Every structure is written in structure tokens, then in C-alpha cells.
Amino acid sequence: MSSRVNRRSFMKKSIVASAGGAITLSSAKAGQTEIAGLKVEIGSKATVPQGKIGSLKVSRMLLGGNLLTHYTHSRDLKYVYNLTAHYNTEEKIHETMALAEAHGINALSIHNPPGIVPMLKRYRYRYGGKMQWIICPTAPVEPGMEAYTKQVKDLVDNGTEALYVWGVHSDRLIAEGKIDLVRQAVEIAKDHGVPSGIGAHDLRVVVECEKHGIPNDFYIKTFHHHNYATGPKPDQLKAPYSEIPGYWCKDPAETIEVMKKVTKPWIAFKVMAAGAIPPKDALRYVFENGADHTLAGMFDFEIAEDVMIVNDVLSNLKTRTRPWRS
């Protein structure tokens, strides 16, 4: 494939590869990946720039895990949960991961419901996949930390490259004043030799962790603007964080200001507000306003276009003021 790829041919070949059935990941040449007949060369539009989180080289766009675990923020459209589950079978998830790899996405972020790690391992062992796993343990963060420590060990032993405190946990712990438990969770992952991050919906998590010198290696924080039809209204934002839907970033302007002072890498998530903001708009907003990486929940047929968009955005950033932190 030529490094000069137009959008139409790139999309066509990518979609054909996605629909091709059997997955083939190989290294026919140095710096080249093949999936179902699609060869992607370093330097082509089918690569994504990388940053560094701890010792890991991580693509600026990561594959988000919610669609892979069939958890969709579909608002009141309840049928979407079943639709996603029927579409994203294990075979389709593996195809999606392989297609993401072929286009330069080298990491995914996912939480840890039952069965996910075995599914990820089968992808590695069956197809030679190299996708890096950034996983948040779901075991309780509580005094003693026995269950959490055990789950961290199991995740690392099974091949997880980085861990972070689940935002569901960190939001609650900070609201309850239990910063010491957040510290312990971060340090347990570091003690197991992997980069250790903190997830958050509530901006107070970042503020308090920075204030108390928590030694995390990165943040995963919600971030998107409110300029879309179903975006939160001012009166809705007066509610406590516990009542704010998970697909909302409550305070984007304040997030920008807080993160300017943070020197650790920042992975932005919920950047499209669960599909309400178009990728071109969302990706430009988060990178121009300071994010170092972004999560994007994508079906297989969305990957090619989103990679094109993120490359175009990153090659033409106009107003970024926060230094790259990874």
C-alpha cells in the first residue's frame, strides 16, 4: 500500500478486511502488518502517532472497551445493549482488535467483567495479536485490599501491561474522603511492575490526587464539550456527581484548566459523549485542549475513518497550549 492513501481507497480496503472472515496477523516484512489481505506500512495513513506511558509506547488513540464488553451508554434506547451483544461476538471482537492493530492502534482500555481476560488471551494465542491491555480491576477497594491485590496479581500474571483504578471506585473513594485507599490501589499495581493510573469521572479525583501526591503514572479522565443537542443543561449540572450520567463530562472548561497543571499523561475518555459528538469534532477538541491520548469506542466499520480523522487532527493542531506529557 502506498503511504499516500486517499480516504475512499483506505475505507474500502479496511471494510473489506473487516468483513473478510478469518483473521490473519503476520509480519511479512519489517514494519508491515497484514490482516485479511490488507497490508499496512509504517508511515501510511493507517498508522497512529504514539506517546509513552511509563515504559509503554501507546498510540494516541486507544480502542475503548465498552462496546467489547457490550456496555453501551444508549440513553433510553434499551435495545442497543442487545444489538451490541449480538453484533460483537467473540469472533467479531477479535476481528475488531486485529483491524485496530492493523491501523496502528496498539492498546485498548477495558474494565474487567467475567470472561474478558480469557477472551483477550485467546486473541493473543490464536492470532498472534500484540494489542496492549490497560485494565481497571473491579475488585473492591477496601481496607486490607486482599481481593484487590489478588486481582491485580492475576491480571499481571495473565499479561496485562498497565492497570488503573476504576473511575467508579475513585469517584466514590474521593467523595468519601478515602484518599489513602486510592494511594494503596495505585501502589499495589506499581509493586507488581506495571504502569499504574487513576480513572475518574469526577474532576475532584484529579485535584485531590495531585494535592496529596498520589504516585500514579497517568490519568484516564472524561472530557468533551457540551455543544451537542442532548448535552447537559446548566440546571442538570447542579446535581451531585453521583447523579450525573457516565457519558457526561460535567465541567470541561475546568478540566482544561486543572489538567494544564498536571504533568502526568492524560487519556481522555467519553470524548464523543457516547456517540452524540461526531469524531472529527470530538477528537480535535480533546487534543487541542490538552489530552495526550484518547479512548474511542469503535465498531469494526468505524476504525478506518476514525484513524484517518485522528491523523488529520494531530498533523494540524492549532490551539494546543498544554505540553505533551507522553
C-alpha atoms as a PDB file:
ATOM      1  CA  MET A   1       0.000   0.000   0.000  1.00  0.00           C
ATOM      2  CA  SER A   2       1.347   3.404  -0.840  1.00  0.00           C
ATOM      3  CA  SER A   3       1.921   5.813   2.032  1.00  0.00           C
ATOM      4  CA  ARG A   4      -0.303   8.261   0.126  1.00  0.00           C
ATOM      5  CA  VAL A   5      -3.715   6.801   0.828  1.00  0.00           C
ATOM      6  CA  ASN A   6      -6.892   8.547  -0.186  1.00  0.00           C
ATOM      7  CA  ARG A   7      -9.917   8.243   2.058  1.00  0.00           C
ATOM      8  CA  ARG A   8     -12.050   6.235  -0.364  1.00  0.00           C
ATOM      9  CA  SER A   9      -9.490   3.519  -1.100  1.00  0.00           C
ATOM     10  CA  PHE A  10      -8.432   3.352   2.549  1.00  0.00           C
ATOM     11  CA  MET A  11     -12.004   2.879   3.743  1.00  0.00           C
ATOM     12  CA  LYS A  12     -12.776   0.336   1.032  1.00  0.00           C
ATOM     13  CA  LYS A  13      -9.791  -1.858   1.793  1.00  0.00           C
ATOM     14  CA  SER A  14     -10.347  -1.566   5.534  1.00  0.00           C
ATOM     15  CA  ILE A  15     -14.006  -2.549   5.335  1.00  0.00           C
ATOM     16  CA  VAL A  16     -13.178  -5.488   3.064  1.00  0.00           C
ATOM     17  CA  ALA A  17     -10.566  -6.610   5.566  1.00  0.00           C
ATOM     18  CA  SER A  18     -13.060  -6.338   8.403  1.00  0.00           C
ATOM     19  CA  ALA A  19     -15.639  -8.408   6.568  1.00  0.00           C
ATOM     20  CA  GLY A  20     -13.159 -10.978   5.361  1.00  0.00           C
ATOM     21  CA  GLY A  21     -13.961 -13.621   7.964  1.00  0.00           C
ATOM     22  CA  ALA A  22     -10.774 -15.323   9.087  1.00  0.00           C
ATOM     23  CA  ILE A  23      -8.163 -13.133  10.749  1.00  0.00           C
ATOM     24  CA  THR A  24      -4.541 -13.226   9.689  1.00  0.00           C
ATOM     25  CA  LEU A  25      -1.956 -11.200  11.583  1.00  0.00           C
ATOM     26  CA  SER A  26       1.564 -11.618  10.297  1.00  0.00           C
ATOM     27  CA  SER A  27       4.787  -9.738   9.696  1.00  0.00           C
ATOM     28  CA  ALA A  28       5.558 -10.342   6.047  1.00  0.00           C
ATOM     29  CA  LYS A  29       8.108  -7.525   6.107  1.00  0.00           C
ATOM     30  CA  ALA A  30       9.701  -5.457   8.829  1.00  0.00           C
ATOM     31  CA  GLY A  31       7.300  -2.733   9.841  1.00  0.00           C
ATOM     32  CA  GLN A  32       4.358  -4.235   7.967  1.00  0.00           C
ATOM     33  CA  THR A  33       1.177  -5.882   9.242  1.00  0.00           C
ATOM     34  CA  GLU A  34      -1.319  -7.920   7.251  1.00  0.00           C
ATOM     35  CA  ILE A  35      -4.935  -8.597   8.096  1.00  0.00           C
ATOM     36  CA  ALA A  36      -7.147 -10.464   5.657  1.00  0.00           C
ATOM     37  CA  GLY A  37      -5.086  -9.201   2.741  1.00  0.00           C
ATOM     38  CA  LEU A  38      -4.688  -5.596   3.934  1.00  0.00           C
ATOM     39  CA  LYS A  39      -1.035  -4.579   4.263  1.00  0.00           C
ATOM     40  CA  VAL A  40      -0.374  -1.510   6.380  1.00  0.00           C
ATOM     41  CA  GLU A  41       3.068   0.079   6.216  1.00  0.00           C
ATOM     42  CA  ILE A  42       4.753   2.350   8.716  1.00  0.00           C
ATOM     43  CA  GLY A  43       4.295   5.939   7.599  1.00  0.00           C
ATOM     44  CA  SER A  44       0.985   5.341   5.868  1.00  0.00           C
ATOM     45  CA  LYS A  45      -2.285   6.965   6.880  1.00  0.00           C
ATOM     46  CA  ALA A  46      -3.064   3.686   8.597  1.00  0.00           C
ATOM     47  CA  THR A  47      -0.707   4.383  11.491  1.00  0.00           C
ATOM     48  CA  VAL A  48      -1.263   6.411  14.650  1.00  0.00           C
ATOM     49  CA  PRO A  49       1.391   8.538  16.403  1.00  0.00           C
ATOM     50  CA  GLN A  50       2.480   7.272  19.802  1.00  0.00           C
ATOM     51  CA  GLY A  51       3.313   8.627  23.222  1.00  0.00           C
ATOM     52  CA  LYS A  52       4.871   6.980  26.260  1.00  0.00           C
ATOM     53  CA  ILE A  53       3.164   5.927  29.490  1.00  0.00           C
ATOM     54  CA  GLY A  54       5.688   4.514  31.890  1.00  0.00           C
ATOM     55  CA  SER A  55       7.726   2.085  29.821  1.00  0.00           C
ATOM     56  CA  LEU A  56       4.910   1.546  27.294  1.00  0.00           C
ATOM     57  CA  LYS A  57       4.677   3.090  23.855  1.00  0.00           C
ATOM     58  CA  VAL A  58       0.978   3.800  23.418  1.00  0.00           C
ATOM     59  CA  SER A  59      -0.865   5.047  20.339  1.00  0.00           C
ATOM     60  CA  ARG A  60      -2.502   8.460  20.704  1.00  0.00           C
ATOM     61  CA  MET A  61      -5.841   6.752  20.028  1.00  0.00           C
ATOM     62  CA  LEU A  62      -6.715   3.636  22.038  1.00  0.00           C
ATOM     63  CA  LEU A  63      -9.532   1.200  21.450  1.00  0.00           C
ATOM     64  CA  GLY A  64     -12.216   1.745  24.085  1.00  0.00           C
ATOM     65  CA  GLY A  65     -13.585  -1.346  25.786  1.00  0.00           C
ATOM     66  CA  ASN A  66     -17.262  -0.650  26.468  1.00  0.00           C
ATOM     67  CA  LEU A  67     -18.520  -1.904  23.107  1.00  0.00           C
ATOM     68  CA  LEU A  68     -16.367  -5.001  23.518  1.00  0.00           C
ATOM     69  CA  THR A  69     -17.973  -5.770  26.873  1.00  0.00           C
ATOM     70  CA  HIS A  70     -21.408  -4.935  25.400  1.00  0.00           C
ATOM     71  CA  TYR A  71     -21.826  -1.983  27.740  1.00  0.00           C
ATOM     72  CA  THR A  72     -23.221   0.946  25.780  1.00  0.00           C
ATOM     73  CA  HIS A  73     -24.400   4.318  27.037  1.00  0.00           C
ATOM     74  CA  SER A  74     -27.501   4.219  24.853  1.00  0.00           C
ATOM     75  CA  ARG A  75     -29.600   6.612  26.948  1.00  0.00           C
ATOM     76  CA  ASP A  76     -33.214   5.401  26.739  1.00  0.00           C
ATOM     77  CA  LEU A  77     -32.675   3.165  23.684  1.00  0.00           C
ATOM     78  CA  LYS A  78     -32.560  -0.067  25.638  1.00  0.00           C
ATOM     79  CA  TYR A  79     -32.463  -2.321  22.575  1.00  0.00           C
ATOM     80  CA  VAL A  80     -28.946  -1.090  21.767  1.00  0.00           C
ATOM     81  CA  TYR A  81     -27.483  -3.255  24.544  1.00  0.00           C
ATOM     82  CA  ASN A  82     -28.820  -6.430  22.937  1.00  0.00           C
ATOM     83  CA  LEU A  83     -27.919  -5.213  19.461  1.00  0.00           C
ATOM     84  CA  THR A  84     -24.303  -4.685  20.514  1.00  0.00           C
ATOM     85  CA  ALA A  85     -24.136  -8.062  22.206  1.00  0.00           C
ATOM     86  CA  HIS A  86     -25.476  -9.824  19.115  1.00  0.00           C
ATOM     87  CA  TYR A  87     -23.090  -7.981  16.794  1.00  0.00           C
ATOM     88  CA  ASN A  88     -19.929  -8.109  18.883  1.00  0.00           C
ATOM     89  CA  THR A  89     -19.487 -11.847  19.220  1.00  0.00           C
ATOM     90  CA  GLU A  90     -16.064 -13.037  20.296  1.00  0.00           C
ATOM     91  CA  GLU A  91     -15.089 -13.592  16.660  1.00  0.00           C
ATOM     92  CA  LYS A  92     -16.163 -10.060  15.753  1.00  0.00           C
ATOM     93  CA  ILE A  93     -14.337  -8.612  18.765  1.00  0.00           C
ATOM     94  CA  HIS A  94     -11.162 -10.364  17.645  1.00  0.00           C
ATOM     95  CA  GLU A  95     -11.637  -9.007  14.122  1.00  0.00           C
ATOM     96  CA  THR A  96     -12.133  -5.533  15.569  1.00  0.00           C
ATOM     97  CA  MET A  97      -8.944  -5.765  17.621  1.00  0.00           C
ATOM     98  CA  ALA A  98      -6.970  -7.044  14.665  1.00  0.00           C
ATOM     99  CA  LEU A  99      -8.276  -4.293  12.407  1.00  0.00           C
ATOM    100  CA  ALA A 100      -7.400  -1.696  15.051  1.00  0.00           C
ATOM    101  CA  GLU A 101      -3.863  -3.112  15.263  1.00  0.00           C
ATOM    102  CA  ALA A 102      -3.519  -3.048  11.501  1.00  0.00           C
ATOM    103  CA  HIS A 103      -4.315   0.652  11.562  1.00  0.00           C
ATOM    104  CA  GLY A 104      -1.773   1.494  14.257  1.00  0.00           C
ATOM    105  CA  ILE A 105      -3.890   1.320  17.418  1.00  0.00           C
ATOM    106  CA  ASN A 106      -1.678  -0.681  19.762  1.00  0.00           C
ATOM    107  CA  ALA A 107      -3.570  -0.573  23.085  1.00  0.00           C
ATOM    108  CA  LEU A 108      -7.068  -0.954  24.461  1.00  0.00           C
ATOM    109  CA  SER A 109      -8.581   0.126  27.746  1.00  0.00           C
ATOM    110  CA  ILE A 110     -11.217  -2.076  29.287  1.00  0.00           C
ATOM    111  CA  HIS A 111     -12.701  -2.923  32.663  1.00  0.00           C
ATOM    112  CA  ASN A 112     -12.689  -6.448  33.991  1.00  0.00           C
ATOM    113  CA  PRO A 113     -16.071  -8.199  33.949  1.00  0.00           C
ATOM    114  CA  PRO A 114     -16.078 -12.025  33.978  1.00  0.00           C
ATOM    115  CA  GLY A 115     -14.651 -13.652  30.861  1.00  0.00           C
ATOM    116  CA  ILE A 116     -12.842 -10.635  29.409  1.00  0.00           C
ATOM    117  CA  VAL A 117      -9.253 -11.652  30.171  1.00  0.00           C
ATOM    118  CA  PRO A 118      -9.693 -15.181  28.743  1.00  0.00           C
ATOM    119  CA  MET A 119     -11.193 -13.604  25.602  1.00  0.00           C
ATOM    120  CA  LEU A 120      -8.208 -11.250  25.275  1.00  0.00           C
ATOM    121  CA  LYS A 121      -5.793 -14.137  25.811  1.00  0.00           C
ATOM    122  CA  ARG A 122      -7.432 -16.183  23.066  1.00  0.00           C
ATOM    123  CA  TYR A 123      -6.835 -13.284  20.672  1.00  0.00           C
ATOM    124  CA  ARG A 124      -3.134 -13.308  21.510  1.00  0.00           C
ATOM    125  CA  TYR A 125      -2.694 -17.050  21.339  1.00  0.00           C
ATOM    126  CA  ARG A 126      -4.842 -17.783  18.284  1.00  0.00           C
ATOM    127  CA  TYR A 127      -3.801 -14.891  16.073  1.00  0.00           C
ATOM    128  CA  GLY A 128      -0.551 -13.554  17.494  1.00  0.00           C
ATOM    129  CA  GLY A 129      -2.180 -10.248  18.401  1.00  0.00           C
ATOM    130  CA  LYS A 130       0.044  -7.642  20.051  1.00  0.00           C
ATOM    131  CA  MET A 131      -2.643  -5.307  21.401  1.00  0.00           C
ATOM    132  CA  GLN A 132      -1.597  -3.985  24.834  1.00  0.00           C
ATOM    133  CA  TRP A 133      -4.117  -4.208  27.674  1.00  0.00           C
ATOM    134  CA  ILE A 134      -4.789  -1.315  30.047  1.00  0.00           C
ATOM    135  CA  ILE A 135      -7.302  -2.722  32.518  1.00  0.00           C
ATOM    136  CA  CYS A 136      -9.075  -1.455  35.630  1.00  0.00           C
ATOM    137  CA  PRO A 137      -9.603  -4.091  38.320  1.00  0.00           C
ATOM    138  CA  THR A 138     -13.198  -4.353  39.503  1.00  0.00           C
ATOM    139  CA  ALA A 139     -12.419  -5.935  42.868  1.00  0.00           C
ATOM    140  CA  PRO A 140     -13.421  -3.742  45.827  1.00  0.00           C
ATOM    141  CA  VAL A 141     -11.003  -1.091  47.041  1.00  0.00           C
ATOM    142  CA  GLU A 142     -11.424  -1.520  50.780  1.00  0.00           C
ATOM    143  CA  PRO A 143      -9.356  -1.795  53.953  1.00  0.00           C
ATOM    144  CA  GLY A 144      -6.992  -4.747  53.803  1.00  0.00           C
ATOM    145  CA  MET A 145      -7.065  -4.764  49.970  1.00  0.00           C
ATOM    146  CA  GLU A 146      -6.941  -8.575  49.855  1.00  0.00           C
ATOM    147  CA  ALA A 147      -9.318  -9.059  46.928  1.00  0.00           C
ATOM    148  CA  TYR A 148      -7.892  -6.108  45.031  1.00  0.00           C
ATOM    149  CA  THR A 149      -4.309  -7.295  45.447  1.00  0.00           C
ATOM    150  CA  LYS A 150      -5.247 -10.794  44.291  1.00  0.00           C
ATOM    151  CA  GLN A 151      -6.990  -9.453  41.187  1.00  0.00           C
ATOM    152  CA  VAL A 152      -4.057  -7.196  40.336  1.00  0.00           C
ATOM    153  CA  LYS A 153      -1.678 -10.157  40.581  1.00  0.00           C
ATOM    154  CA  ASP A 154      -3.947 -12.298  38.401  1.00  0.00           C
ATOM    155  CA  LEU A 155      -4.230  -9.560  35.759  1.00  0.00           C
ATOM    156  CA  VAL A 156      -0.477  -9.002  35.606  1.00  0.00           C
ATOM    157  CA  ASP A 157       0.252 -12.732  35.575  1.00  0.00           C
ATOM    158  CA  ASN A 158      -2.127 -13.092  32.629  1.00  0.00           C
ATOM    159  CA  GLY A 159      -0.387 -10.431  30.563  1.00  0.00           C
ATOM    160  CA  THR A 160      -1.887  -7.040  31.435  1.00  0.00           C
ATOM    161  CA  GLU A 161       0.552  -4.238  30.561  1.00  0.00           C
ATOM    162  CA  ALA A 162      -0.941  -1.419  32.678  1.00  0.00           C
ATOM    163  CA  LEU A 163      -3.597  -1.010  35.351  1.00  0.00           C
ATOM    164  CA  TYR A 164      -5.676   1.872  36.652  1.00  0.00           C
ATOM    165  CA  VAL A 165      -8.109   2.489  39.465  1.00  0.00           C
ATOM    166  CA  TRP A 166     -11.619   2.212  38.029  1.00  0.00           C
ATOM    167  CA  GLY A 167     -13.359   5.581  37.906  1.00  0.00           C
ATOM    168  CA  VAL A 168     -16.409   4.055  39.592  1.00  0.00           C
ATOM    169  CA  HIS A 169     -14.158   3.307  42.561  1.00  0.00           C
ATOM    170  CA  SER A 170     -12.105   6.505  42.600  1.00  0.00           C
ATOM    171  CA  ASP A 171     -15.138   8.815  42.323  1.00  0.00           C
ATOM    172  CA  ARG A 172     -16.701   7.186  45.373  1.00  0.00           C
ATOM    173  CA  LEU A 173     -13.497   6.982  47.394  1.00  0.00           C
ATOM    174  CA  ILE A 174     -12.682  10.663  46.902  1.00  0.00           C
ATOM    175  CA  ALA A 175     -16.266  11.668  47.733  1.00  0.00           C
ATOM    176  CA  GLU A 176     -15.927   9.680  50.980  1.00  0.00           C
ATOM    177  CA  GLY A 177     -12.530  11.166  51.837  1.00  0.00           C
ATOM    178  CA  LYS A 178     -10.693   7.854  51.433  1.00  0.00           C
ATOM    179  CA  ILE A 179      -7.650   9.120  49.562  1.00  0.00           C
ATOM    180  CA  ASP A 180      -5.424   6.619  51.386  1.00  0.00           C
ATOM    181  CA  LEU A 181      -7.249   3.716  49.723  1.00  0.00           C
ATOM    182  CA  VAL A 182      -6.697   5.309  46.301  1.00  0.00           C
ATOM    183  CA  ARG A 183      -2.995   5.559  47.142  1.00  0.00           C
ATOM    184  CA  GLN A 184      -2.885   1.907  48.168  1.00  0.00           C
ATOM    185  CA  ALA A 185      -4.588   0.790  44.968  1.00  0.00           C
ATOM    186  CA  VAL A 186      -2.093   2.741  42.868  1.00  0.00           C
ATOM    187  CA  GLU A 187       0.880   1.406  44.793  1.00  0.00           C
ATOM    188  CA  ILE A 188      -0.293  -2.212  44.576  1.00  0.00           C
ATOM    189  CA  ALA A 189      -0.196  -2.068  40.783  1.00  0.00           C
ATOM    190  CA  LYS A 190       3.202  -0.356  40.832  1.00  0.00           C
ATOM    191  CA  ASP A 191       4.504  -3.049  43.176  1.00  0.00           C
ATOM    192  CA  HIS A 192       3.552  -5.582  40.501  1.00  0.00           C
ATOM    193  CA  GLY A 193       5.772  -3.823  37.984  1.00  0.00           C
ATOM    194  CA  VAL A 194       3.276  -2.170  35.620  1.00  0.00           C
ATOM    195  CA  PRO A 195       2.297   1.468  34.990  1.00  0.00           C
ATOM    196  CA  SER A 196      -0.448   2.442  37.412  1.00  0.00           C
ATOM    197  CA  GLY A 197      -3.137   5.021  36.643  1.00  0.00           C
ATOM    198  CA  ILE A 198      -6.311   6.535  38.045  1.00  0.00           C
ATOM    199  CA  GLY A 199      -9.644   6.742  36.246  1.00  0.00           C
ATOM    200  CA  ALA A 200     -12.156   9.489  37.027  1.00  0.00           C
ATOM    201  CA  HIS A 201     -15.451  10.999  36.019  1.00  0.00           C
ATOM    202  CA  ASP A 202     -15.338  13.461  38.915  1.00  0.00           C
ATOM    203  CA  LEU A 203     -12.662  16.137  38.426  1.00  0.00           C
ATOM    204  CA  ARG A 204     -12.145  16.247  42.187  1.00  0.00           C
ATOM    205  CA  VAL A 205     -10.347  12.908  41.857  1.00  0.00           C
ATOM    206  CA  VAL A 206      -7.552  14.545  39.855  1.00  0.00           C
ATOM    207  CA  VAL A 207      -7.469  17.605  42.121  1.00  0.00           C
ATOM    208  CA  GLU A 208      -7.187  15.552  45.309  1.00  0.00           C
ATOM    209  CA  CYS A 209      -4.686  13.062  43.907  1.00  0.00           C
ATOM    210  CA  GLU A 210      -2.417  15.884  42.778  1.00  0.00           C
ATOM    211  CA  LYS A 211      -2.836  17.690  46.105  1.00  0.00           C
ATOM    212  CA  HIS A 212      -1.868  14.578  48.078  1.00  0.00           C
ATOM    213  CA  GLY A 213       0.978  13.476  45.792  1.00  0.00           C
ATOM    214  CA  ILE A 214      -0.514  10.151  44.755  1.00  0.00           C
ATOM    215  CA  PRO A 215       2.217   8.418  42.699  1.00  0.00           C
ATOM    216  CA  ASN A 216       0.083   7.366  39.730  1.00  0.00           C
ATOM    217  CA  ASP A 217       1.661   7.242  36.286  1.00  0.00           C
ATOM    218  CA  PHE A 218      -1.330   8.524  34.284  1.00  0.00           C
ATOM    219  CA  TYR A 219      -4.963   9.629  34.430  1.00  0.00           C
ATOM    220  CA  ILE A 220      -7.990   8.455  32.470  1.00  0.00           C
ATOM    221  CA  LYS A 221     -10.499  11.319  32.741  1.00  0.00           C
ATOM    222  CA  THR A 222     -13.786  12.052  30.963  1.00  0.00           C
ATOM    223  CA  PHE A 223     -13.618  15.002  28.574  1.00  0.00           C
ATOM    224  CA  HIS A 224     -15.872  16.509  25.922  1.00  0.00           C
ATOM    225  CA  HIS A 225     -17.616  19.812  25.233  1.00  0.00           C
ATOM    226  CA  HIS A 226     -21.352  20.382  25.797  1.00  0.00           C
ATOM    227  CA  ASN A 227     -22.186  21.789  22.387  1.00  0.00           C
ATOM    228  CA  TYR A 228     -24.451  18.984  21.179  1.00  0.00           C
ATOM    229  CA  ALA A 229     -28.193  18.512  21.135  1.00  0.00           C
ATOM    230  CA  THR A 230     -28.521  16.175  24.118  1.00  0.00           C
ATOM    231  CA  GLY A 231     -25.726  17.771  26.115  1.00  0.00           C
ATOM    232  CA  PRO A 232     -26.252  18.632  29.785  1.00  0.00           C
ATOM    233  CA  LYS A 233     -28.136  21.799  30.616  1.00  0.00           C
ATOM    234  CA  PRO A 234     -26.960  24.186  33.375  1.00  0.00           C
ATOM    235  CA  ASP A 235     -29.637  23.097  35.861  1.00  0.00           C
ATOM    236  CA  GLN A 236     -28.755  19.418  35.303  1.00  0.00           C
ATOM    237  CA  LEU A 237     -25.110  20.104  36.131  1.00  0.00           C
ATOM    238  CA  LYS A 238     -26.044  21.270  39.616  1.00  0.00           C
ATOM    239  CA  ALA A 239     -26.665  17.652  40.595  1.00  0.00           C
ATOM    240  CA  PRO A 240     -24.027  15.719  42.595  1.00  0.00           C
ATOM    241  CA  TYR A 241     -21.528  13.710  40.567  1.00  0.00           C
ATOM    242  CA  SER A 242     -23.226  10.518  41.670  1.00  0.00           C
ATOM    243  CA  GLU A 243     -26.326  11.612  39.742  1.00  0.00           C
ATOM    244  CA  ILE A 244     -24.524  12.719  36.569  1.00  0.00           C
ATOM    245  CA  PRO A 245     -24.726  10.182  33.694  1.00  0.00           C
ATOM    246  CA  GLY A 246     -21.437   8.468  32.960  1.00  0.00           C
ATOM    247  CA  TYR A 247     -21.371   9.764  29.387  1.00  0.00           C
ATOM    248  CA  TRP A 248     -21.227  13.410  30.525  1.00  0.00           C
ATOM    249  CA  CYS A 249     -18.145  15.434  31.344  1.00  0.00           C
ATOM    250  CA  LYS A 250     -19.634  17.765  33.943  1.00  0.00           C
ATOM    251  CA  ASP A 251     -17.087  20.576  33.712  1.00  0.00           C
ATOM    252  CA  PRO A 252     -14.978  20.616  30.516  1.00  0.00           C
ATOM    253  CA  ALA A 253     -13.674  24.178  30.952  1.00  0.00           C
ATOM    254  CA  GLU A 254     -12.493  23.457  34.486  1.00  0.00           C
ATOM    255  CA  THR A 255     -10.998  20.165  33.338  1.00  0.00           C
ATOM    256  CA  ILE A 256      -8.893  22.047  30.788  1.00  0.00           C
ATOM    257  CA  GLU A 257      -7.591  24.408  33.470  1.00  0.00           C
ATOM    258  CA  VAL A 258      -6.847  21.677  36.021  1.00  0.00           C
ATOM    259  CA  MET A 259      -5.082  19.426  33.518  1.00  0.00           C
ATOM    260  CA  LYS A 260      -2.820  22.270  32.320  1.00  0.00           C
ATOM    261  CA  LYS A 261      -1.018  21.950  35.658  1.00  0.00           C
ATOM    262  CA  VAL A 262      -0.819  18.144  35.600  1.00  0.00           C
ATOM    263  CA  THR A 263       2.471  16.745  34.323  1.00  0.00           C
ATOM    264  CA  LYS A 264       1.322  13.130  34.069  1.00  0.00           C
ATOM    265  CA  PRO A 265      -0.083  11.664  30.827  1.00  0.00           C
ATOM    266  CA  TRP A 266      -3.821  12.109  30.367  1.00  0.00           C
ATOM    267  CA  ILE A 267      -6.006   9.675  28.435  1.00  0.00           C
ATOM    268  CA  ALA A 268      -9.357  11.333  27.693  1.00  0.00           C
ATOM    269  CA  PHE A 269     -12.448   9.135  27.516  1.00  0.00           C
ATOM    270  CA  LYS A 270     -16.149   9.593  26.756  1.00  0.00           C
ATOM    271  CA  VAL A 271     -14.842  12.070  24.185  1.00  0.00           C
ATOM    272  CA  MET A 272     -17.806  11.574  21.845  1.00  0.00           C
ATOM    273  CA  ALA A 273     -20.363  11.619  24.682  1.00  0.00           C
ATOM    274  CA  ALA A 274     -21.449   8.074  23.799  1.00  0.00           C
ATOM    275  CA  GLY A 275     -21.794   8.806  20.096  1.00  0.00           C
ATOM    276  CA  ALA A 276     -23.504  12.202  20.346  1.00  0.00           C
ATOM    277  CA  ILE A 277     -20.486  14.217  19.125  1.00  0.00           C
ATOM    278  CA  PRO A 278     -19.047  13.444  15.665  1.00  0.00           C
ATOM    279  CA  PRO A 279     -15.486  12.042  15.767  1.00  0.00           C
ATOM    280  CA  LYS A 280     -13.962  14.914  13.797  1.00  0.00           C
ATOM    281  CA  ASP A 281     -15.348  17.447  16.252  1.00  0.00           C
ATOM    282  CA  ALA A 282     -14.610  15.379  19.361  1.00  0.00           C
ATOM    283  CA  LEU A 283     -11.031  14.416  18.521  1.00  0.00           C
ATOM    284  CA  ARG A 284      -9.958  17.923  17.597  1.00  0.00           C
ATOM    285  CA  TYR A 285     -11.484  19.291  20.795  1.00  0.00           C
ATOM    286  CA  VAL A 286      -9.733  16.879  23.150  1.00  0.00           C
ATOM    287  CA  PHE A 287      -6.288  17.106  21.558  1.00  0.00           C
ATOM    288  CA  GLU A 288      -6.315  20.874  21.115  1.00  0.00           C
ATOM    289  CA  ASN A 289      -7.356  21.220  24.759  1.00  0.00           C
ATOM    290  CA  GLY A 290      -4.624  19.107  26.281  1.00  0.00           C
ATOM    291  CA  ALA A 291      -5.327  15.371  26.201  1.00  0.00           C
ATOM    292  CA  ASP A 292      -2.288  13.208  25.402  1.00  0.00           C
ATOM    293  CA  HIS A 293      -4.303  10.173  24.289  1.00  0.00           C
ATOM    294  CA  THR A 294      -7.937   9.413  23.647  1.00  0.00           C
ATOM    295  CA  LEU A 295     -10.124   6.362  24.036  1.00  0.00           C
ATOM    296  CA  ALA A 296     -12.575   5.695  21.241  1.00  0.00           C
ATOM    297  CA  GLY A 297     -15.214   3.032  21.469  1.00  0.00           C
ATOM    298  CA  MET A 298     -15.483   1.777  17.887  1.00  0.00           C
ATOM    299  CA  PHE A 299     -17.213  -0.916  15.930  1.00  0.00           C
ATOM    300  CA  ASP A 300     -15.007  -2.532  13.298  1.00  0.00           C
ATOM    301  CA  PHE A 301     -16.511  -0.489  10.454  1.00  0.00           C
ATOM    302  CA  GLU A 302     -15.661   2.795  12.238  1.00  0.00           C
ATOM    303  CA  ILE A 303     -11.956   2.215  12.796  1.00  0.00           C
ATOM    304  CA  ALA A 304     -10.585   3.219   9.405  1.00  0.00           C
ATOM    305  CA  GLU A 305     -12.331   6.572   9.304  1.00  0.00           C
ATOM    306  CA  ASP A 306     -11.528   7.408  12.925  1.00  0.00           C
ATOM    307  CA  VAL A 307      -7.844   6.694  12.311  1.00  0.00           C
ATOM    308  CA  MET A 308      -7.907   8.987   9.287  1.00  0.00           C
ATOM    309  CA  ILE A 309      -9.511  11.697  11.416  1.00  0.00           C
ATOM    310  CA  VAL A 310      -7.078  11.397  14.323  1.00  0.00           C
ATOM    311  CA  ASN A 311      -4.102  11.582  11.957  1.00  0.00           C
ATOM    312  CA  ASP A 312      -5.518  14.665  10.268  1.00  0.00           C
ATOM    313  CA  VAL A 313      -6.170  16.300  13.643  1.00  0.00           C
ATOM    314  CA  LEU A 314      -2.734  15.523  15.063  1.00  0.00           C
ATOM    315  CA  SER A 315      -0.978  16.799  11.958  1.00  0.00           C
ATOM    316  CA  ASN A 316      -2.771  20.136  12.180  1.00  0.00           C
ATOM    317  CA  LEU A 317      -3.278  21.144  15.815  1.00  0.00           C
ATOM    318  CA  LYS A 318      -3.983  24.862  16.013  1.00  0.00           C
ATOM    319  CA  THR A 319      -4.501  25.919  19.613  1.00  0.00           C
ATOM    320  CA  ARG A 320      -2.945  23.326  21.934  1.00  0.00           C
ATOM    321  CA  THR A 321      -1.337  25.008  24.942  1.00  0.00           C
ATOM    322  CA  ARG A 322      -0.714  22.070  27.324  1.00  0.00           C
ATOM    323  CA  PRO A 323       2.664  20.448  26.627  1.00  0.00           C
ATOM    324  CA  TRP A 324       2.592  16.834  25.536  1.00  0.00           C
ATOM    325  CA  ARG A 325       3.066  14.767  28.656  1.00  0.00           C
ATOM    326  CA  SER A 326       3.641  11.462  26.894  1.00  0.00           C
END
